[in-house]
């Protein structure tokens, strides 16, 4: 019973601020005469007809596909390189200057260069997402691997636990909280880069559609696209929270036991 009450309280707290903000937006814009800031009721009235039509398959699904593919590739690449660099001190010191150089370059700046080499298709847009989303995962993976408890590391070594067994049963579980934190940051970056990449030399996608609405002065449709992006980000955040709770169940249980919950 206590568990359900706690879940209900968490749900109320999570929805309270969005409901207040939507109500405030509705009230503030109800009598708006501005062409560029139409009433929220007008925006919502165009939402269904705009996105639950041909644009669902032509723009929304391609964007979501690019986002998922780019994000997963960034996670795999970031974790793989992060574990490799975290466990090899010489390799980490050798690669660190190069990594710091590329990490300092804002990914949107690379879009024209990436499009020049990879074209303007889906591959280039996925590469753009990977180029920015890989860094939080990579850096958190490196730090997570480096922070493995030395006592546990020495104990596993003394028992002859090496290679893949050590990586699977010690290194990855110990580094997983920081890796998951990097994955959460990478998800937000992936959504941003997905939209930006679709605003350059594209023929479909949410970013392309929003730019087209803006250029054709379809302002309510443009605002509806922005709201849709927010809803997609919220949905992906909820899915990630479910993944985090399942993958780090042991970690959250340990934290609660330490707090005495």
C-alpha atoms as a PDB file:
ATOM      1  CA  UNK A   1       0.000   0.000   0.000  1.00  0.00           C
ATOM      2  CA  UNK A   2       2.809   2.356   0.923  1.00  0.00           C
ATOM      3  CA  UNK A   3       4.438   1.651  -2.435  1.00  0.00           C
ATOM      4  CA  UNK A   4       1.313   2.644  -4.376  1.00  0.00           C
ATOM      5  CA  UNK A   5       0.920   5.797  -2.318  1.00  0.00           C
ATOM      6  CA  UNK A   6       4.508   6.759  -3.007  1.00  0.00           C
ATOM      7  CA  UNK A   7       4.042   6.099  -6.741  1.00  0.00           C
ATOM      8  CA  UNK A   8       0.859   8.175  -6.773  1.00  0.00           C
ATOM      9  CA  UNK A   9       2.555  11.035  -4.976  1.00  0.00           C
ATOM     10  CA  UNK A  10       5.453  10.920  -7.430  1.00  0.00           C
ATOM     11  CA  UNK A  11       2.993  11.013 -10.364  1.00  0.00           C
ATOM     12  CA  UNK A  12       1.173  14.022  -8.917  1.00  0.00           C
ATOM     13  CA  UNK A  13       4.428  15.876  -8.345  1.00  0.00           C
ATOM     14  CA  UNK A  14       5.595  15.072 -11.879  1.00  0.00           C
ATOM     15  CA  UNK A  15       2.374  16.332 -13.488  1.00  0.00           C
ATOM     16  CA  UNK A  16       1.697  19.322 -11.241  1.00  0.00           C
ATOM     17  CA  UNK A  17       4.111  21.790 -12.849  1.00  0.00           C
ATOM     18  CA  UNK A  18       3.292  20.829 -16.495  1.00  0.00           C
ATOM     19  CA  UNK A  19      -0.431  21.241 -15.778  1.00  0.00           C
ATOM     20  CA  UNK A  20       0.155  24.638 -14.197  1.00  0.00           C
ATOM     21  CA  UNK A  21       2.325  25.782 -17.116  1.00  0.00           C
ATOM     22  CA  UNK A  22      -0.184  24.610 -19.731  1.00  0.00           C
ATOM     23  CA  UNK A  23      -3.021  26.336 -17.863  1.00  0.00           C
ATOM     24  CA  UNK A  24      -0.974  29.534 -17.649  1.00  0.00           C
ATOM     25  CA  UNK A  25      -0.140  29.368 -21.377  1.00  0.00           C
ATOM     26  CA  UNK A  26      -3.785  28.753 -22.243  1.00  0.00           C
ATOM     27  CA  UNK A  27      -4.938  31.680 -20.097  1.00  0.00           C
ATOM     28  CA  UNK A  28      -2.211  34.067 -21.268  1.00  0.00           C
ATOM     29  CA  UNK A  29      -2.697  33.332 -24.968  1.00  0.00           C
ATOM     30  CA  UNK A  30      -6.494  33.031 -24.971  1.00  0.00           C
ATOM     31  CA  UNK A  31      -6.992  36.592 -26.193  1.00  0.00           C
ATOM     32  CA  UNK A  32      -3.706  36.950 -28.054  1.00  0.00           C
ATOM     33  CA  UNK A  33      -3.884  39.045 -31.192  1.00  0.00           C
ATOM     34  CA  UNK A  34      -0.293  38.382 -32.199  1.00  0.00           C
ATOM     35  CA  UNK A  35       0.179  36.520 -35.460  1.00  0.00           C
ATOM     36  CA  UNK A  36       3.367  34.895 -34.188  1.00  0.00           C
ATOM     37  CA  UNK A  37       1.964  33.856 -30.797  1.00  0.00           C
ATOM     38  CA  UNK A  38      -1.486  32.411 -31.527  1.00  0.00           C
ATOM     39  CA  UNK A  39      -3.750  31.091 -28.764  1.00  0.00           C
ATOM     40  CA  UNK A  40      -2.870  27.656 -27.459  1.00  0.00           C
ATOM     41  CA  UNK A  41      -6.359  26.474 -28.432  1.00  0.00           C
ATOM     42  CA  UNK A  42      -5.572  27.337 -32.071  1.00  0.00           C
ATOM     43  CA  UNK A  43      -2.270  25.468 -31.915  1.00  0.00           C
ATOM     44  CA  UNK A  44      -3.873  22.371 -30.421  1.00  0.00           C
ATOM     45  CA  UNK A  45      -6.677  22.447 -32.960  1.00  0.00           C
ATOM     46  CA  UNK A  46      -4.110  22.071 -35.762  1.00  0.00           C
ATOM     47  CA  UNK A  47      -2.034  19.462 -33.925  1.00  0.00           C
ATOM     48  CA  UNK A  48      -4.051  16.399 -34.881  1.00  0.00           C
ATOM     49  CA  UNK A  49      -4.652  17.315 -38.502  1.00  0.00           C
ATOM     50  CA  UNK A  50      -0.985  18.231 -38.968  1.00  0.00           C
ATOM     51  CA  UNK A  51       0.781  15.256 -37.413  1.00  0.00           C
ATOM     52  CA  UNK A  52      -1.723  12.401 -37.374  1.00  0.00           C
ATOM     53  CA  UNK A  53      -1.899  12.311 -41.152  1.00  0.00           C
ATOM     54  CA  UNK A  54       0.610  11.742 -43.922  1.00  0.00           C
ATOM     55  CA  UNK A  55       3.274  13.560 -41.912  1.00  0.00           C
ATOM     56  CA  UNK A  56       3.303  10.777 -39.331  1.00  0.00           C
ATOM     57  CA  UNK A  57       4.996   8.455 -41.797  1.00  0.00           C
ATOM     58  CA  UNK A  58       6.738  11.106 -43.866  1.00  0.00           C
ATOM     59  CA  UNK A  59       8.316  13.168 -41.070  1.00  0.00           C
ATOM     60  CA  UNK A  60       7.789  11.767 -37.567  1.00  0.00           C
ATOM     61  CA  UNK A  61       8.822   8.147 -38.107  1.00  0.00           C
ATOM     62  CA  UNK A  62      11.995   9.003 -40.098  1.00  0.00           C
ATOM     63  CA  UNK A  63      13.063  11.391 -37.335  1.00  0.00           C
ATOM     64  CA  UNK A  64      12.451   8.831 -34.598  1.00  0.00           C
ATOM     65  CA  UNK A  65      14.324   6.169 -36.592  1.00  0.00           C
ATOM     66  CA  UNK A  66      17.367   8.418 -37.062  1.00  0.00           C
ATOM     67  CA  UNK A  67      17.284   9.340 -33.398  1.00  0.00           C
ATOM     68  CA  UNK A  68      17.134   5.737 -32.180  1.00  0.00           C
ATOM     69  CA  UNK A  69      19.807   4.465 -34.577  1.00  0.00           C
ATOM     70  CA  UNK A  70      22.176   7.367 -33.902  1.00  0.00           C
ATOM     71  CA  UNK A  71      21.683   7.154 -30.146  1.00  0.00           C
ATOM     72  CA  UNK A  72      22.256   3.399 -29.975  1.00  0.00           C
ATOM     73  CA  UNK A  73      25.384   3.661 -32.121  1.00  0.00           C
ATOM     74  CA  UNK A  74      26.693   6.428 -29.861  1.00  0.00           C
ATOM     75  CA  UNK A  75      26.058   4.283 -26.778  1.00  0.00           C
ATOM     76  CA  UNK A  76      27.790   1.220 -28.239  1.00  0.00           C
ATOM     77  CA  UNK A  77      30.745   3.248 -29.495  1.00  0.00           C
ATOM     78  CA  UNK A  78      31.016   5.288 -26.304  1.00  0.00           C
ATOM     79  CA  UNK A  79      30.878   2.309 -23.956  1.00  0.00           C
ATOM     80  CA  UNK A  80      33.292   0.272 -26.067  1.00  0.00           C
ATOM     81  CA  UNK A  81      35.908   3.003 -26.368  1.00  0.00           C
ATOM     82  CA  UNK A  82      35.337   4.134 -22.785  1.00  0.00           C
ATOM     83  CA  UNK A  83      36.000   0.680 -21.352  1.00  0.00           C
ATOM     84  CA  UNK A  84      39.053   0.281 -23.580  1.00  0.00           C
ATOM     85  CA  UNK A  85      40.531   3.639 -22.564  1.00  0.00           C
ATOM     86  CA  UNK A  86      39.552   3.247 -18.936  1.00  0.00           C
ATOM     87  CA  UNK A  87      41.320  -0.084 -18.564  1.00  0.00           C
ATOM     88  CA  UNK A  88      44.458   0.860 -20.519  1.00  0.00           C
ATOM     89  CA  UNK A  89      46.379   3.756 -18.977  1.00  0.00           C
ATOM     90  CA  UNK A  90      48.933   4.055 -21.790  1.00  0.00           C
ATOM     91  CA  UNK A  91      46.244   4.109 -24.472  1.00  0.00           C
ATOM     92  CA  UNK A  92      44.246   6.667 -22.500  1.00  0.00           C
ATOM     93  CA  UNK A  93      47.199   9.036 -22.158  1.00  0.00           C
ATOM     94  CA  UNK A  94      48.001   8.665 -25.852  1.00  0.00           C
ATOM     95  CA  UNK A  95      44.432   9.315 -27.034  1.00  0.00           C
ATOM     96  CA  UNK A  96      43.515  12.023 -24.519  1.00  0.00           C
ATOM     97  CA  UNK A  97      44.830  15.067 -26.495  1.00  0.00           C
ATOM     98  CA  UNK A  98      43.008  13.950 -29.642  1.00  0.00           C
ATOM     99  CA  UNK A  99      39.791  13.254 -27.749  1.00  0.00           C
ATOM    100  CA  UNK A 100      39.905  16.627 -26.013  1.00  0.00           C
ATOM    101  CA  UNK A 101      40.430  18.348 -29.357  1.00  0.00           C
ATOM    102  CA  UNK A 102      37.413  16.737 -31.038  1.00  0.00           C
ATOM    103  CA  UNK A 103      35.263  17.026 -27.912  1.00  0.00           C
ATOM    104  CA  UNK A 104      35.764  20.787 -27.917  1.00  0.00           C
ATOM    105  CA  UNK A 105      34.328  21.146 -31.445  1.00  0.00           C
ATOM    106  CA  UNK A 106      30.557  21.851 -31.345  1.00  0.00           C
ATOM    107  CA  UNK A 107      28.802  19.120 -33.376  1.00  0.00           C
ATOM    108  CA  UNK A 108      26.601  21.577 -35.350  1.00  0.00           C
ATOM    109  CA  UNK A 109      29.772  23.097 -36.802  1.00  0.00           C
ATOM    110  CA  UNK A 110      30.634  19.727 -38.333  1.00  0.00           C
ATOM    111  CA  UNK A 111      27.304  19.331 -40.126  1.00  0.00           C
ATOM    112  CA  UNK A 112      28.412  20.956 -43.430  1.00  0.00           C
ATOM    113  CA  UNK A 113      31.609  18.882 -43.392  1.00  0.00           C
ATOM    114  CA  UNK A 114      29.789  15.631 -42.621  1.00  0.00           C
ATOM    115  CA  UNK A 115      27.202  16.331 -45.306  1.00  0.00           C
ATOM    116  CA  UNK A 116      30.020  17.004 -47.750  1.00  0.00           C
ATOM    117  CA  UNK A 117      31.489  13.536 -47.223  1.00  0.00           C
ATOM    118  CA  UNK A 118      28.417  11.457 -46.306  1.00  0.00           C
ATOM    119  CA  UNK A 119      25.819  13.147 -48.504  1.00  0.00           C
ATOM    120  CA  UNK A 120      22.498  14.528 -47.312  1.00  0.00           C
ATOM    121  CA  UNK A 121      20.705  11.241 -46.669  1.00  0.00           C
ATOM    122  CA  UNK A 122      19.897   9.400 -43.478  1.00  0.00           C
ATOM    123  CA  UNK A 123      23.488   8.212 -43.028  1.00  0.00           C
ATOM    124  CA  UNK A 124      24.804  11.753 -42.653  1.00  0.00           C
ATOM    125  CA  UNK A 125      22.109  12.662 -40.137  1.00  0.00           C
ATOM    126  CA  UNK A 126      22.857   9.562 -38.071  1.00  0.00           C
ATOM    127  CA  UNK A 127      26.564  10.435 -38.149  1.00  0.00           C
ATOM    128  CA  UNK A 128      25.748  13.941 -36.888  1.00  0.00           C
ATOM    129  CA  UNK A 129      23.850  12.464 -33.935  1.00  0.00           C
ATOM    130  CA  UNK A 130      26.672  10.036 -33.148  1.00  0.00           C
ATOM    131  CA  UNK A 131      29.322  12.767 -33.389  1.00  0.00           C
ATOM    132  CA  UNK A 132      27.726  14.696 -30.540  1.00  0.00           C
ATOM    133  CA  UNK A 133      26.042  12.031 -28.427  1.00  0.00           C
ATOM    134  CA  UNK A 134      29.080   9.774 -28.100  1.00  0.00           C
ATOM    135  CA  UNK A 135      31.042  12.122 -25.837  1.00  0.00           C
ATOM    136  CA  UNK A 136      28.970  11.984 -22.627  1.00  0.00           C
ATOM    137  CA  UNK A 137      28.845   8.189 -22.835  1.00  0.00           C
ATOM    138  CA  UNK A 138      32.549   7.886 -23.626  1.00  0.00           C
ATOM    139  CA  UNK A 139      33.787  10.228 -20.902  1.00  0.00           C
ATOM    140  CA  UNK A 140      31.479   8.805 -18.227  1.00  0.00           C
ATOM    141  CA  UNK A 141      32.484   5.271 -19.192  1.00  0.00           C
ATOM    142  CA  UNK A 142      36.175   6.139 -18.857  1.00  0.00           C
ATOM    143  CA  UNK A 143      35.672   7.719 -15.434  1.00  0.00           C
ATOM    144  CA  UNK A 144      33.413   4.888 -14.303  1.00  0.00           C
ATOM    145  CA  UNK A 145      35.967   2.248 -15.244  1.00  0.00           C
ATOM    146  CA  UNK A 146      38.787   4.200 -13.607  1.00  0.00           C
ATOM    147  CA  UNK A 147      36.770   4.510 -10.396  1.00  0.00           C
ATOM    148  CA  UNK A 148      36.405   0.741  -9.872  1.00  0.00           C
ATOM    149  CA  UNK A 149      37.199  -0.074  -6.258  1.00  0.00           C
ATOM    150  CA  UNK A 150      40.846  -1.102  -5.982  1.00  0.00           C
ATOM    151  CA  UNK A 151      40.128  -3.635  -3.234  1.00  0.00           C
ATOM    152  CA  UNK A 152      37.560  -5.392  -5.417  1.00  0.00           C
ATOM    153  CA  UNK A 153      39.914  -5.214  -8.374  1.00  0.00           C
ATOM    154  CA  UNK A 154      42.789  -6.763  -6.403  1.00  0.00           C
ATOM    155  CA  UNK A 155      40.474  -9.423  -4.970  1.00  0.00           C
ATOM    156  CA  UNK A 156      39.228 -10.449  -8.404  1.00  0.00           C
ATOM    157  CA  UNK A 157      42.791 -10.592  -9.675  1.00  0.00           C
ATOM    158  CA  UNK A 158      43.887 -12.750  -6.744  1.00  0.00           C
ATOM    159  CA  UNK A 159      41.088 -15.204  -7.502  1.00  0.00           C
ATOM    160  CA  UNK A 160      42.157 -15.388 -11.118  1.00  0.00           C
ATOM    161  CA  UNK A 161      39.139 -13.502 -12.473  1.00  0.00           C
ATOM    162  CA  UNK A 162      40.490 -11.814 -15.579  1.00  0.00           C
ATOM    163  CA  UNK A 163      39.541 -10.998 -19.143  1.00  0.00           C
ATOM    164  CA  UNK A 164      35.883 -11.145 -20.105  1.00  0.00           C
ATOM    165  CA  UNK A 165      34.785 -12.494 -16.714  1.00  0.00           C
ATOM    166  CA  UNK A 166      36.359  -9.543 -14.900  1.00  0.00           C
ATOM    167  CA  UNK A 167      34.844  -7.101 -17.385  1.00  0.00           C
ATOM    168  CA  UNK A 168      31.375  -8.620 -17.096  1.00  0.00           C
ATOM    169  CA  UNK A 169      31.180  -9.226 -13.359  1.00  0.00           C
ATOM    170  CA  UNK A 170      33.259  -6.352 -11.966  1.00  0.00           C
ATOM    171  CA  UNK A 171      34.119  -3.526 -14.339  1.00  0.00           C
ATOM    172  CA  UNK A 172      30.800  -3.005 -16.142  1.00  0.00           C
ATOM    173  CA  UNK A 173      28.578  -3.325 -13.034  1.00  0.00           C
ATOM    174  CA  UNK A 174      30.820  -0.933 -11.079  1.00  0.00           C
ATOM    175  CA  UNK A 175      30.923   1.606 -13.921  1.00  0.00           C
ATOM    176  CA  UNK A 176      27.259   1.239 -14.921  1.00  0.00           C
ATOM    177  CA  UNK A 177      25.881   4.135 -12.777  1.00  0.00           C
ATOM    178  CA  UNK A 178      28.202   6.611 -14.484  1.00  0.00           C
ATOM    179  CA  UNK A 179      27.644   5.036 -17.891  1.00  0.00           C
ATOM    180  CA  UNK A 180      23.882   5.367 -17.494  1.00  0.00           C
ATOM    181  CA  UNK A 181      24.319   8.997 -16.416  1.00  0.00           C
ATOM    182  CA  UNK A 182      26.240   9.619 -19.635  1.00  0.00           C
ATOM    183  CA  UNK A 183      23.541   7.853 -21.632  1.00  0.00           C
ATOM    184  CA  UNK A 184      20.915  10.191 -20.144  1.00  0.00           C
ATOM    185  CA  UNK A 185      22.919  13.236 -21.237  1.00  0.00           C
ATOM    186  CA  UNK A 186      23.462  11.710 -24.668  1.00  0.00           C
ATOM    187  CA  UNK A 187      19.721  11.261 -25.163  1.00  0.00           C
ATOM    188  CA  UNK A 188      19.062  15.000 -24.853  1.00  0.00           C
ATOM    189  CA  UNK A 189      21.963  15.797 -27.169  1.00  0.00           C
ATOM    190  CA  UNK A 190      20.679  13.256 -29.706  1.00  0.00           C
ATOM    191  CA  UNK A 191      17.266  14.915 -29.877  1.00  0.00           C
ATOM    192  CA  UNK A 192      18.832  18.343 -30.392  1.00  0.00           C
ATOM    193  CA  UNK A 193      21.174  17.116 -33.127  1.00  0.00           C
ATOM    194  CA  UNK A 194      18.376  15.186 -34.823  1.00  0.00           C
ATOM    195  CA  UNK A 195      16.408  18.406 -35.258  1.00  0.00           C
ATOM    196  CA  UNK A 196      19.418  20.497 -36.304  1.00  0.00           C
ATOM    197  CA  UNK A 197      20.581  17.947 -38.882  1.00  0.00           C
ATOM    198  CA  UNK A 198      17.113  17.897 -40.462  1.00  0.00           C
ATOM    199  CA  UNK A 199      17.148  21.669 -40.878  1.00  0.00           C
ATOM    200  CA  UNK A 200      20.056  21.405 -43.360  1.00  0.00           C
ATOM    201  CA  UNK A 201      19.500  20.114 -46.901  1.00  0.00           C
ATOM    202  CA  UNK A 202      16.733  17.732 -45.893  1.00  0.00           C
ATOM    203  CA  UNK A 203      13.493  16.619 -47.501  1.00  0.00           C
ATOM    204  CA  UNK A 204      11.705  15.169 -44.469  1.00  0.00           C
ATOM    205  CA  UNK A 205      11.803  14.974 -40.702  1.00  0.00           C
ATOM    206  CA  UNK A 206      10.523  17.105 -37.836  1.00  0.00           C
ATOM    207  CA  UNK A 207      13.254  19.715 -38.197  1.00  0.00           C
ATOM    208  CA  UNK A 208      12.526  20.019 -41.922  1.00  0.00           C
ATOM    209  CA  UNK A 209       8.772  20.316 -41.315  1.00  0.00           C
ATOM    210  CA  UNK A 210       9.144  23.009 -38.655  1.00  0.00           C
ATOM    211  CA  UNK A 211      11.407  25.069 -40.930  1.00  0.00           C
ATOM    212  CA  UNK A 212       8.942  24.681 -43.809  1.00  0.00           C
ATOM    213  CA  UNK A 213       6.072  25.850 -41.605  1.00  0.00           C
ATOM    214  CA  UNK A 214       8.125  28.845 -40.486  1.00  0.00           C
ATOM    215  CA  UNK A 215       9.043  29.797 -44.063  1.00  0.00           C
ATOM    216  CA  UNK A 216       5.442  29.487 -45.253  1.00  0.00           C
ATOM    217  CA  UNK A 217       4.150  31.437 -42.209  1.00  0.00           C
ATOM    218  CA  UNK A 218       2.062  28.491 -41.003  1.00  0.00           C
ATOM    219  CA  UNK A 219       2.668  29.628 -37.438  1.00  0.00           C
ATOM    220  CA  UNK A 220       0.164  27.369 -35.585  1.00  0.00           C
ATOM    221  CA  UNK A 221       1.593  24.352 -37.410  1.00  0.00           C
ATOM    222  CA  UNK A 222       5.110  25.456 -36.499  1.00  0.00           C
ATOM    223  CA  UNK A 223       4.196  25.702 -32.818  1.00  0.00           C
ATOM    224  CA  UNK A 224       2.495  22.306 -32.977  1.00  0.00           C
ATOM    225  CA  UNK A 225       5.769  20.823 -34.259  1.00  0.00           C
ATOM    226  CA  UNK A 226       7.651  22.349 -31.343  1.00  0.00           C
ATOM    227  CA  UNK A 227       5.116  20.866 -28.918  1.00  0.00           C
ATOM    228  CA  UNK A 228       5.467  17.479 -30.622  1.00  0.00           C
ATOM    229  CA  UNK A 229       9.236  17.626 -30.112  1.00  0.00           C
ATOM    230  CA  UNK A 230       8.693  18.304 -26.431  1.00  0.00           C
ATOM    231  CA  UNK A 231       6.282  15.384 -26.143  1.00  0.00           C
ATOM    232  CA  UNK A 232       8.727  13.058 -27.907  1.00  0.00           C
ATOM    233  CA  UNK A 233      11.499  14.157 -25.579  1.00  0.00           C
ATOM    234  CA  UNK A 234       9.242  13.524 -22.588  1.00  0.00           C
ATOM    235  CA  UNK A 235       8.287  10.076 -23.889  1.00  0.00           C
ATOM    236  CA  UNK A 236      11.905   9.080 -24.471  1.00  0.00           C
ATOM    237  CA  UNK A 237      12.774  10.353 -21.005  1.00  0.00           C
ATOM    238  CA  UNK A 238      10.106   8.120 -19.459  1.00  0.00           C
ATOM    239  CA  UNK A 239      11.363   5.116 -21.426  1.00  0.00           C
ATOM    240  CA  UNK A 240      14.894   5.842 -20.286  1.00  0.00           C
ATOM    241  CA  UNK A 241      13.772   6.041 -16.660  1.00  0.00           C
ATOM    242  CA  UNK A 242      12.220   2.576 -16.978  1.00  0.00           C
ATOM    243  CA  UNK A 243      15.465   1.270 -18.463  1.00  0.00           C
ATOM    244  CA  UNK A 244      17.488   2.930 -15.705  1.00  0.00           C
ATOM    245  CA  UNK A 245      15.345   1.452 -12.931  1.00  0.00           C
ATOM    246  CA  UNK A 246      15.649  -2.040 -14.336  1.00  0.00           C
ATOM    247  CA  UNK A 247      19.347  -1.917 -15.197  1.00  0.00           C
ATOM    248  CA  UNK A 248      20.390  -0.192 -11.949  1.00  0.00           C
ATOM    249  CA  UNK A 249      17.927  -1.872  -9.620  1.00  0.00           C
ATOM    250  CA  UNK A 250      20.776  -3.167  -7.470  1.00  0.00           C
ATOM    251  CA  UNK A 251      22.332   0.291  -7.252  1.00  0.00           C
ATOM    252  CA  UNK A 252      19.134   2.075  -6.222  1.00  0.00           C
ATOM    253  CA  UNK A 253      18.428  -0.688  -3.708  1.00  0.00           C
ATOM    254  CA  UNK A 254      21.876  -0.195  -2.216  1.00  0.00           C
ATOM    255  CA  UNK A 255      21.335   3.571  -1.997  1.00  0.00           C
ATOM    256  CA  UNK A 256      17.984   3.108  -0.240  1.00  0.00           C
ATOM    257  CA  UNK A 257      19.485   0.661   2.232  1.00  0.00           C
ATOM    258  CA  UNK A 258      22.281   3.103   3.010  1.00  0.00           C
ATOM    259  CA  UNK A 259      19.733   5.857   3.634  1.00  0.00           C
ATOM    260  CA  UNK A 260      17.631   3.525   5.749  1.00  0.00           C
ATOM    261  CA  UNK A 261      14.525   3.811   3.538  1.00  0.00           C
END
